[in-house]
Structures are given as structure tokens and as C-alpha cells.
Amino acid sequence: MYAQQRQKLILERIESAGRAAVSELAADFELTPETIRRDLSALAEAGLVERVHGGAVAHRTVVVEPDVDTRHQSNMQSKQRIAEAVAAMIDHRGLASVILDAGTTTGLVAMRLSSKVSAVITNDPAIVRSAAQSGVPSYILPGRLRKVTLAAVGSDTVDAIQALHADVCVMGANGMTAHGFTTPDPEEASVKRAFVHAAQLRIVAADSTKAGVIALRTFAALEDIDVVVTDAGLPHELRAAFEDAGIDVVIA
């Protein structure tokens, strides 16, 4: 097993249990304590865990999920450039059916889509209005609206997504690291995972403030994503990890 694969498993265990001891990990992976300590140090240097005596504990950098108004005021210049790059990519590739995840960046994408797009499907009422006003045929997914994000979530939402076969999905993320893409809410994570499986091209559109952040639930591993569109603040080591995994990184 390669070190990166092992570190991913260690991280998943720490996130699940809240902590892990060097002695336990060494026994389970049949490795020396020194090797496990190096793994934990690498995870700590990446900001993914906190080293403590005898092991490591989970490091949560996302404590409070921002509401819609807060998101609209956060890093808007970068989000606008990212949205323009995503919309141009969709137009250039001639992608017809587009799934847009709920969020401010994806909402900006909706405003920039050309008339070539044959359909926009989303779980965000604000996005479906924007797309419809642009003259693009638009469809809203069923489900319960979450108070924080005003996104449709739940089993009805997931069931509806599973019947889709779209050209592309564009998703936001609250966190992105070398181990995957995360979001705080379990129901929104389920919706995002369904989006991943419902489209041929999977794009994450997220500004660089999400880099190194780990939220509660992973919705996609690196191998699940084809393109990441972000800004110039993306750390070099994270860009390298994305590209090593076969992800096309676009800096807007």
C-alpha cells in the first residue's frame, strides 16, 4: 500500500472516531510506530489532523456553516471569475444538459450560461429562477429546503437525481484537500454524491478559501472529479495532488 493510500485510510479513521493512537494504527496496519508517526506528521502538516501525545485527533476547520447571505458577501470577485471560466468551458465543449449544485458560485454560473444549453437541473430555487430568466429551460428538483442553504435535500431529491443522465454537473464544496471534497451537512453530501454519478463530466467550482478545509462529510474522492475550477490562491501542493489524480485544474 502506498503512503498516500494509507494516510487516506488513517484520516478516515480519525475523522470517524475523533482520534487515533499510534500504537493502534501500527498494529492494525502492521507497520512500525515510526512509520505511523511520519504519516500523522504528514497529515498534520497538511492541516488535516492535530498531533497530540501518542497519536492524533480530528481537526475541524469548518465549525459553523455560512448562510446564503454570508456566502453572497464572501470572496465574490474570485467566485465571479470562477463562474465565467465554468460557463465558458460548458459553452466551448458544447455541453447541453447541466446540473448545477446549490450555492453562490454555481448561481453565478447559471447567470452566464449561453442559449446553447438545453436544460439546467438544480436543487436551488434561486438558480432555477436565474437560468429561466436567461431563457434556458430549467428544472427544479423535489425535496425539503434546508434553512441554512435553501437547497432541496432528502430522499426525494436523491431519487430524482438517480434518474438523470446529464452532460455535466457543477458542484460547490465547503472543503477540498488531497483526500477529497467535503461539505458539513449529511443530506447535502448525499445530494452531491448523487450528482457525481449523474453526469459524464464532474466539475468542482470552489475558491481557494476552501483549500485545506475539512467539513464533516466527504461527497467525492479525487478520482470522482474531472475538473476543479478555482483561483490563484490554491496551494501548490494541493494543485499537484489534484493533477496527480488526473484532475484538470483551471485557475480563473
C-alpha atoms as a PDB file:
ATOM      1  CA  MET A   1       0.000   0.000   0.000  1.00  0.00           C
ATOM      2  CA  TYR A   2       1.334   3.425  -0.960  1.00  0.00           C
ATOM      3  CA  ALA A   3       1.801   6.065   1.755  1.00  0.00           C
ATOM      4  CA  GLN A   4      -0.930   8.304   0.280  1.00  0.00           C
ATOM      5  CA  GLN A   5      -3.449   5.446   0.296  1.00  0.00           C
ATOM      6  CA  ARG A   6      -2.545   4.549   3.873  1.00  0.00           C
ATOM      7  CA  GLN A   7      -2.770   8.158   5.010  1.00  0.00           C
ATOM      8  CA  LYS A   8      -6.221   8.431   3.460  1.00  0.00           C
ATOM      9  CA  LEU A   9      -7.370   5.400   5.471  1.00  0.00           C
ATOM     10  CA  ILE A  10      -5.808   6.834   8.633  1.00  0.00           C
ATOM     11  CA  LEU A  11      -7.532  10.167   8.049  1.00  0.00           C
ATOM     12  CA  GLU A  12     -10.902   8.469   7.527  1.00  0.00           C
ATOM     13  CA  ARG A  13     -10.454   6.590  10.817  1.00  0.00           C
ATOM     14  CA  ILE A  14      -9.555   9.757  12.710  1.00  0.00           C
ATOM     15  CA  GLU A  15     -12.498  11.639  11.210  1.00  0.00           C
ATOM     16  CA  SER A  16     -14.842   8.796  12.173  1.00  0.00           C
ATOM     17  CA  ALA A  17     -13.571   8.164  15.711  1.00  0.00           C
ATOM     18  CA  GLY A  18     -12.311  11.653  16.505  1.00  0.00           C
ATOM     19  CA  ARG A  19      -8.800  10.395  17.334  1.00  0.00           C
ATOM     20  CA  ALA A  20      -6.364   7.530  16.803  1.00  0.00           C
ATOM     21  CA  ALA A  21      -3.353   6.232  18.722  1.00  0.00           C
ATOM     22  CA  VAL A  22       0.000   5.456  17.114  1.00  0.00           C
ATOM     23  CA  SER A  23       0.125   2.033  18.801  1.00  0.00           C
ATOM     24  CA  GLU A  24      -3.321   1.037  17.490  1.00  0.00           C
ATOM     25  CA  LEU A  25      -2.581   2.211  13.953  1.00  0.00           C
ATOM     26  CA  ALA A  26       0.786   0.469  13.912  1.00  0.00           C
ATOM     27  CA  ALA A  27      -0.839  -2.809  14.963  1.00  0.00           C
ATOM     28  CA  ASP A  28      -3.712  -2.531  12.503  1.00  0.00           C
ATOM     29  CA  PHE A  29      -1.509  -1.633   9.519  1.00  0.00           C
ATOM     30  CA  GLU A  30       1.303  -3.972  10.629  1.00  0.00           C
ATOM     31  CA  LEU A  31       3.846  -1.162  10.445  1.00  0.00           C
ATOM     32  CA  THR A  32       6.384   0.336  12.810  1.00  0.00           C
ATOM     33  CA  PRO A  33       5.308   3.186  15.111  1.00  0.00           C
ATOM     34  CA  GLU A  34       7.893   5.388  13.365  1.00  0.00           C
ATOM     35  CA  THR A  35       6.140   4.932  10.002  1.00  0.00           C
ATOM     36  CA  ILE A  36       2.760   5.788  11.528  1.00  0.00           C
ATOM     37  CA  ARG A  37       4.246   8.857  13.227  1.00  0.00           C
ATOM     38  CA  ARG A  38       5.534  10.045   9.846  1.00  0.00           C
ATOM     39  CA  ASP A  39       2.065   9.512   8.366  1.00  0.00           C
ATOM     40  CA  LEU A  40       0.434  11.509  11.153  1.00  0.00           C
ATOM     41  CA  SER A  41       3.036  14.254  10.817  1.00  0.00           C
ATOM     42  CA  ALA A  42       2.324  14.474   7.079  1.00  0.00           C
ATOM     43  CA  LEU A  43      -1.421  14.743   7.757  1.00  0.00           C
ATOM     44  CA  ALA A  44      -0.794  17.387  10.420  1.00  0.00           C
ATOM     45  CA  GLU A  45       1.454  19.429   8.115  1.00  0.00           C
ATOM     46  CA  ALA A  46      -1.358  19.381   5.547  1.00  0.00           C
ATOM     47  CA  GLY A  47      -3.729  20.752   8.195  1.00  0.00           C
ATOM     48  CA  LEU A  48      -5.881  17.629   8.193  1.00  0.00           C
ATOM     49  CA  VAL A  49      -5.337  16.445  11.789  1.00  0.00           C
ATOM     50  CA  GLU A  50      -3.850  17.736  15.030  1.00  0.00           C
ATOM     51  CA  ARG A  51      -0.938  15.836  16.529  1.00  0.00           C
ATOM     52  CA  VAL A  52      -1.246  15.003  20.213  1.00  0.00           C
ATOM     53  CA  HIS A  53       0.856  12.874  22.538  1.00  0.00           C
ATOM     54  CA  GLY A  54       0.594   9.271  21.363  1.00  0.00           C
ATOM     55  CA  GLY A  55      -1.452   9.920  18.238  1.00  0.00           C
ATOM     56  CA  ALA A  56      -3.665  12.487  16.506  1.00  0.00           C
ATOM     57  CA  VAL A  57      -7.154  13.985  16.779  1.00  0.00           C
ATOM     58  CA  ALA A  58      -9.587  15.243  14.138  1.00  0.00           C
ATOM     59  CA  HIS A  59      -9.119  18.822  13.058  1.00  0.00           C
ATOM     60  CA  ARG A  60     -12.338  20.582  12.042  1.00  0.00           C
ATOM     61  CA  THR A  61     -11.792  23.912  10.363  1.00  0.00           C
ATOM     62  CA  VAL A  62     -15.448  24.276   9.392  1.00  0.00           C
ATOM     63  CA  VAL A  63     -17.398  24.781  12.617  1.00  0.00           C
ATOM     64  CA  VAL A  64     -20.294  26.991  11.505  1.00  0.00           C
ATOM     65  CA  GLU A  65     -21.797  26.600   8.045  1.00  0.00           C
ATOM     66  CA  PRO A  66     -22.291  30.066   6.497  1.00  0.00           C
ATOM     67  CA  ASP A  67     -25.799  31.051   5.458  1.00  0.00           C
ATOM     68  CA  VAL A  68     -26.763  32.261   1.998  1.00  0.00           C
ATOM     69  CA  ASP A  69     -26.367  35.983   2.783  1.00  0.00           C
ATOM     70  CA  THR A  70     -22.882  35.420   4.192  1.00  0.00           C
ATOM     71  CA  ARG A  71     -21.855  33.403   1.139  1.00  0.00           C
ATOM     72  CA  HIS A  72     -23.027  36.173  -1.180  1.00  0.00           C
ATOM     73  CA  GLN A  73     -20.642  38.581   0.564  1.00  0.00           C
ATOM     74  CA  SER A  74     -17.633  36.247   0.645  1.00  0.00           C
ATOM     75  CA  ASN A  75     -14.832  36.390  -1.946  1.00  0.00           C
ATOM     76  CA  MET A  76     -17.189  37.467  -4.705  1.00  0.00           C
ATOM     77  CA  GLN A  77     -14.549  38.630  -7.197  1.00  0.00           C
ATOM     78  CA  SER A  78     -12.929  35.191  -7.251  1.00  0.00           C
ATOM     79  CA  LYS A  79     -16.328  33.500  -7.488  1.00  0.00           C
ATOM     80  CA  GLN A  80     -17.287  35.643 -10.471  1.00  0.00           C
ATOM     81  CA  ARG A  81     -14.082  34.740 -12.325  1.00  0.00           C
ATOM     82  CA  ILE A  82     -14.601  31.064 -11.497  1.00  0.00           C
ATOM     83  CA  ALA A  83     -18.204  31.226 -12.757  1.00  0.00           C
ATOM     84  CA  GLU A  84     -17.108  32.854 -16.011  1.00  0.00           C
ATOM     85  CA  ALA A  85     -14.494  30.136 -16.554  1.00  0.00           C
ATOM     86  CA  VAL A  86     -17.003  27.353 -15.884  1.00  0.00           C
ATOM     87  CA  ALA A  87     -19.637  28.865 -18.183  1.00  0.00           C
ATOM     88  CA  ALA A  88     -17.035  29.302 -20.938  1.00  0.00           C
ATOM     89  CA  MET A  89     -15.961  25.668 -20.524  1.00  0.00           C
ATOM     90  CA  ILE A  90     -19.552  24.456 -20.829  1.00  0.00           C
ATOM     91  CA  ASP A  91     -20.084  26.607 -23.926  1.00  0.00           C
ATOM     92  CA  HIS A  92     -16.780  25.573 -25.542  1.00  0.00           C
ATOM     93  CA  ARG A  93     -17.422  21.864 -25.041  1.00  0.00           C
ATOM     94  CA  GLY A  94     -20.974  22.114 -26.329  1.00  0.00           C
ATOM     95  CA  LEU A  95     -22.426  20.559 -23.180  1.00  0.00           C
ATOM     96  CA  ALA A  96     -26.206  20.526 -23.424  1.00  0.00           C
ATOM     97  CA  SER A  97     -27.639  19.324 -20.107  1.00  0.00           C
ATOM     98  CA  VAL A  98     -26.190  20.896 -16.972  1.00  0.00           C
ATOM     99  CA  ILE A  99     -26.728  20.009 -13.316  1.00  0.00           C
ATOM    100  CA  LEU A 100     -25.991  22.930 -11.002  1.00  0.00           C
ATOM    101  CA  ASP A 101     -25.477  22.274  -7.315  1.00  0.00           C
ATOM    102  CA  ALA A 102     -26.869  24.817  -4.845  1.00  0.00           C
ATOM    103  CA  GLY A 103     -24.515  27.663  -3.969  1.00  0.00           C
ATOM    104  CA  THR A 104     -23.358  31.187  -4.759  1.00  0.00           C
ATOM    105  CA  THR A 105     -20.659  30.227  -7.279  1.00  0.00           C
ATOM    106  CA  THR A 106     -22.972  27.857  -9.144  1.00  0.00           C
ATOM    107  CA  GLY A 107     -25.621  30.581  -9.049  1.00  0.00           C
ATOM    108  CA  LEU A 108     -23.208  32.890 -10.846  1.00  0.00           C
ATOM    109  CA  VAL A 109     -22.600  30.132 -13.403  1.00  0.00           C
ATOM    110  CA  ALA A 110     -26.354  29.982 -14.091  1.00  0.00           C
ATOM    111  CA  MET A 111     -26.384  33.693 -14.963  1.00  0.00           C
ATOM    112  CA  ARG A 112     -23.640  33.171 -17.548  1.00  0.00           C
ATOM    113  CA  LEU A 113     -24.881  30.111 -19.441  1.00  0.00           C
ATOM    114  CA  SER A 114     -25.479  30.540 -23.155  1.00  0.00           C
ATOM    115  CA  SER A 115     -28.627  29.666 -25.046  1.00  0.00           C
ATOM    116  CA  LYS A 116     -26.848  26.548 -26.346  1.00  0.00           C
ATOM    117  CA  VAL A 117     -27.634  24.821 -23.061  1.00  0.00           C
ATOM    118  CA  SER A 118     -30.713  22.640 -23.497  1.00  0.00           C
ATOM    119  CA  ALA A 119     -31.513  22.113 -19.817  1.00  0.00           C
ATOM    120  CA  VAL A 120     -30.454  23.204 -16.335  1.00  0.00           C
ATOM    121  CA  ILE A 121     -31.354  20.943 -13.417  1.00  0.00           C
ATOM    122  CA  THR A 122     -30.781  22.174  -9.886  1.00  0.00           C
ATOM    123  CA  ASN A 123     -31.814  21.793  -6.255  1.00  0.00           C
ATOM    124  CA  ASP A 124     -31.582  25.563  -5.695  1.00  0.00           C
ATOM    125  CA  PRO A 125     -34.733  27.692  -6.289  1.00  0.00           C
ATOM    126  CA  ALA A 126     -32.645  30.850  -6.784  1.00  0.00           C
ATOM    127  CA  ILE A 127     -30.596  29.164  -9.513  1.00  0.00           C
ATOM    128  CA  VAL A 128     -33.620  27.865 -11.399  1.00  0.00           C
ATOM    129  CA  ARG A 129     -35.014  31.419 -11.487  1.00  0.00           C
ATOM    130  CA  SER A 130     -31.726  32.840 -12.795  1.00  0.00           C
ATOM    131  CA  ALA A 131     -31.422  30.202 -15.505  1.00  0.00           C
ATOM    132  CA  ALA A 132     -35.047  30.574 -16.550  1.00  0.00           C
ATOM    133  CA  GLN A 133     -34.657  34.351 -16.820  1.00  0.00           C
ATOM    134  CA  SER A 134     -31.715  33.734 -19.149  1.00  0.00           C
ATOM    135  CA  GLY A 135     -34.022  31.734 -21.426  1.00  0.00           C
ATOM    136  CA  VAL A 136     -32.568  28.327 -20.582  1.00  0.00           C
ATOM    137  CA  PRO A 137     -35.109  25.518 -19.955  1.00  0.00           C
ATOM    138  CA  SER A 138     -34.824  24.910 -16.216  1.00  0.00           C
ATOM    139  CA  TYR A 139     -35.956  22.204 -13.826  1.00  0.00           C
ATOM    140  CA  ILE A 140     -36.084  22.224 -10.026  1.00  0.00           C
ATOM    141  CA  LEU A 141     -35.509  19.006  -8.112  1.00  0.00           C
ATOM    142  CA  PRO A 142     -38.001  17.970  -5.424  1.00  0.00           C
ATOM    143  CA  GLY A 143     -37.157  17.813  -1.743  1.00  0.00           C
ATOM    144  CA  ARG A 144     -37.124  19.648   1.566  1.00  0.00           C
ATOM    145  CA  LEU A 145     -35.441  23.064   1.615  1.00  0.00           C
ATOM    146  CA  ARG A 146     -32.671  23.372   4.195  1.00  0.00           C
ATOM    147  CA  LYS A 147     -32.881  26.583   6.209  1.00  0.00           C
ATOM    148  CA  VAL A 148     -29.161  27.375   6.013  1.00  0.00           C
ATOM    149  CA  THR A 149     -28.536  26.923   2.276  1.00  0.00           C
ATOM    150  CA  LEU A 150     -32.108  26.933   0.891  1.00  0.00           C
ATOM    151  CA  ALA A 151     -31.169  23.820  -1.087  1.00  0.00           C
ATOM    152  CA  ALA A 152     -33.539  20.911  -1.714  1.00  0.00           C
ATOM    153  CA  VAL A 153     -32.337  17.780   0.084  1.00  0.00           C
ATOM    154  CA  GLY A 154     -33.646  14.398   1.190  1.00  0.00           C
ATOM    155  CA  SER A 155     -34.549  11.053  -0.308  1.00  0.00           C
ATOM    156  CA  ASP A 156     -36.911  12.569  -2.912  1.00  0.00           C
ATOM    157  CA  THR A 157     -34.055  14.745  -4.172  1.00  0.00           C
ATOM    158  CA  VAL A 158     -31.604  11.853  -4.367  1.00  0.00           C
ATOM    159  CA  ASP A 159     -34.164   9.595  -6.090  1.00  0.00           C
ATOM    160  CA  ALA A 160     -34.840  12.233  -8.736  1.00  0.00           C
ATOM    161  CA  ILE A 161     -31.114  12.723  -9.394  1.00  0.00           C
ATOM    162  CA  GLN A 162     -30.555   8.986  -9.813  1.00  0.00           C
ATOM    163  CA  ALA A 163     -32.877   9.041 -12.843  1.00  0.00           C
ATOM    164  CA  LEU A 164     -30.770  11.705 -14.580  1.00  0.00           C
ATOM    165  CA  HIS A 165     -28.058  11.335 -17.239  1.00  0.00           C
ATOM    166  CA  ALA A 166     -26.591  14.800 -17.693  1.00  0.00           C
ATOM    167  CA  ASP A 167     -23.612  16.005 -19.698  1.00  0.00           C
ATOM    168  CA  VAL A 168     -22.049  17.900 -16.798  1.00  0.00           C
ATOM    169  CA  CYS A 169     -22.574  18.694 -13.149  1.00  0.00           C
ATOM    170  CA  VAL A 170     -21.055  21.703 -11.427  1.00  0.00           C
ATOM    171  CA  MET A 171     -20.716  21.409  -7.665  1.00  0.00           C
ATOM    172  CA  GLY A 172     -19.558  23.639  -4.871  1.00  0.00           C
ATOM    173  CA  ALA A 173     -17.547  22.422  -1.893  1.00  0.00           C
ATOM    174  CA  ASN A 174     -17.015  23.646   1.649  1.00  0.00           C
ATOM    175  CA  GLY A 175     -13.664  21.920   1.816  1.00  0.00           C
ATOM    176  CA  MET A 176     -11.127  20.367  -0.542  1.00  0.00           C
ATOM    177  CA  THR A 177      -7.948  18.502   0.339  1.00  0.00           C
ATOM    178  CA  ALA A 178      -5.728  15.823  -1.161  1.00  0.00           C
ATOM    179  CA  HIS A 179      -8.167  13.300   0.322  1.00  0.00           C
ATOM    180  CA  GLY A 180     -11.350  14.593  -1.279  1.00  0.00           C
ATOM    181  CA  PHE A 181     -14.151  17.152  -1.263  1.00  0.00           C
ATOM    182  CA  THR A 182     -16.368  17.778   1.761  1.00  0.00           C
ATOM    183  CA  THR A 183     -19.491  19.533   2.992  1.00  0.00           C
ATOM    184  CA  PRO A 184     -20.920  19.911   6.520  1.00  0.00           C
ATOM    185  CA  ASP A 185     -24.449  18.532   6.126  1.00  0.00           C
ATOM    186  CA  PRO A 186     -25.064  14.781   5.610  1.00  0.00           C
ATOM    187  CA  GLU A 187     -28.138  15.340   3.433  1.00  0.00           C
ATOM    188  CA  GLU A 188     -26.371  17.805   1.152  1.00  0.00           C
ATOM    189  CA  ALA A 189     -23.463  15.355   0.936  1.00  0.00           C
ATOM    190  CA  SER A 190     -25.896  12.665  -0.266  1.00  0.00           C
ATOM    191  CA  VAL A 191     -27.229  15.011  -2.946  1.00  0.00           C
ATOM    192  CA  LYS A 192     -23.728  15.897  -4.110  1.00  0.00           C
ATOM    193  CA  ARG A 193     -22.734  12.214  -4.265  1.00  0.00           C
ATOM    194  CA  ALA A 194     -25.785  11.561  -6.433  1.00  0.00           C
ATOM    195  CA  PHE A 195     -24.761  14.455  -8.701  1.00  0.00           C
ATOM    196  CA  VAL A 196     -21.326  12.856  -9.154  1.00  0.00           C
ATOM    197  CA  HIS A 197     -22.924   9.694 -10.547  1.00  0.00           C
ATOM    198  CA  ALA A 198     -25.488  11.512 -12.712  1.00  0.00           C
ATOM    199  CA  ALA A 199     -23.122  13.318 -15.090  1.00  0.00           C
ATOM    200  CA  GLN A 200     -20.382  12.484 -17.562  1.00  0.00           C
ATOM    201  CA  LEU A 201     -18.198  15.487 -16.672  1.00  0.00           C
ATOM    202  CA  ARG A 202     -17.847  16.368 -12.970  1.00  0.00           C
ATOM    203  CA  ILE A 203     -16.669  19.893 -12.099  1.00  0.00           C
ATOM    204  CA  VAL A 204     -15.990  21.348  -8.657  1.00  0.00           C
ATOM    205  CA  ALA A 205     -16.143  25.156  -8.670  1.00  0.00           C
ATOM    206  CA  ALA A 206     -14.695  26.471  -5.413  1.00  0.00           C
ATOM    207  CA  ASP A 207     -12.497  29.395  -4.453  1.00  0.00           C
ATOM    208  CA  SER A 208      -9.176  28.788  -2.723  1.00  0.00           C
ATOM    209  CA  THR A 209     -10.502  29.606   0.768  1.00  0.00           C
ATOM    210  CA  LYS A 210     -11.892  26.043   0.697  1.00  0.00           C
ATOM    211  CA  ALA A 211      -8.401  24.570   0.232  1.00  0.00           C
ATOM    212  CA  GLY A 212      -7.217  22.569   3.248  1.00  0.00           C
ATOM    213  CA  VAL A 213     -10.642  22.744   4.891  1.00  0.00           C
ATOM    214  CA  ILE A 214     -12.306  19.530   6.046  1.00  0.00           C
ATOM    215  CA  ALA A 215     -16.054  19.559   6.636  1.00  0.00           C
ATOM    216  CA  LEU A 216     -17.969  16.708   8.236  1.00  0.00           C
ATOM    217  CA  ARG A 217     -18.906  14.596   5.192  1.00  0.00           C
ATOM    218  CA  THR A 218     -16.915  13.583   2.113  1.00  0.00           C
ATOM    219  CA  PHE A 219     -19.037  13.661  -1.045  1.00  0.00           C
ATOM    220  CA  ALA A 220     -16.337  12.915  -3.628  1.00  0.00           C
ATOM    221  CA  ALA A 221     -12.877  11.402  -3.738  1.00  0.00           C
ATOM    222  CA  LEU A 222     -10.276  12.868  -6.091  1.00  0.00           C
ATOM    223  CA  GLU A 223     -10.930  10.143  -8.651  1.00  0.00           C
ATOM    224  CA  ASP A 224     -14.616  11.144  -8.769  1.00  0.00           C
ATOM    225  CA  ILE A 225     -13.867  14.646 -10.096  1.00  0.00           C
ATOM    226  CA  ASP A 226     -12.691  15.624 -13.582  1.00  0.00           C
ATOM    227  CA  VAL A 227     -12.121  19.375 -13.262  1.00  0.00           C
ATOM    228  CA  VAL A 228     -11.508  21.820 -10.416  1.00  0.00           C
ATOM    229  CA  VAL A 229     -12.024  25.497 -11.236  1.00  0.00           C
ATOM    230  CA  THR A 230     -10.589  27.774  -8.562  1.00  0.00           C
ATOM    231  CA  ASP A 231      -8.407  30.880  -8.116  1.00  0.00           C
ATOM    232  CA  ALA A 232      -4.701  31.586  -7.878  1.00  0.00           C
ATOM    233  CA  GLY A 233      -4.688  31.120  -4.106  1.00  0.00           C
ATOM    234  CA  LEU A 234      -4.820  27.314  -4.469  1.00  0.00           C
ATOM    235  CA  PRO A 235      -1.730  25.910  -2.663  1.00  0.00           C
ATOM    236  CA  HIS A 236       0.858  24.398  -4.988  1.00  0.00           C
ATOM    237  CA  GLU A 237       0.915  21.074  -3.150  1.00  0.00           C
ATOM    238  CA  LEU A 238      -2.859  20.703  -3.397  1.00  0.00           C
ATOM    239  CA  ARG A 239      -2.812  21.536  -7.109  1.00  0.00           C
ATOM    240  CA  ALA A 240      -0.120  18.881  -7.558  1.00  0.00           C
ATOM    241  CA  ALA A 241      -2.242  16.324  -5.691  1.00  0.00           C
ATOM    242  CA  PHE A 242      -5.246  17.111  -7.893  1.00  0.00           C
ATOM    243  CA  GLU A 243      -3.235  16.840 -11.096  1.00  0.00           C
ATOM    244  CA  ASP A 244      -1.556  13.619  -9.954  1.00  0.00           C
ATOM    245  CA  ALA A 245      -5.070  12.191  -9.536  1.00  0.00           C
ATOM    246  CA  GLY A 246      -5.932  13.126 -13.122  1.00  0.00           C
ATOM    247  CA  ILE A 247      -7.952  16.270 -12.305  1.00  0.00           C
ATOM    248  CA  ASP A 248      -7.738  19.176 -14.741  1.00  0.00           C
ATOM    249  CA  VAL A 249      -7.081  22.285 -12.597  1.00  0.00           C
ATOM    250  CA  VAL A 250      -8.292  25.584 -14.078  1.00  0.00           C
ATOM    251  CA  ILE A 251      -7.138  28.800 -12.403  1.00  0.00           C
ATOM    252  CA  ALA A 252      -9.598  31.614 -13.068  1.00  0.00           C
END
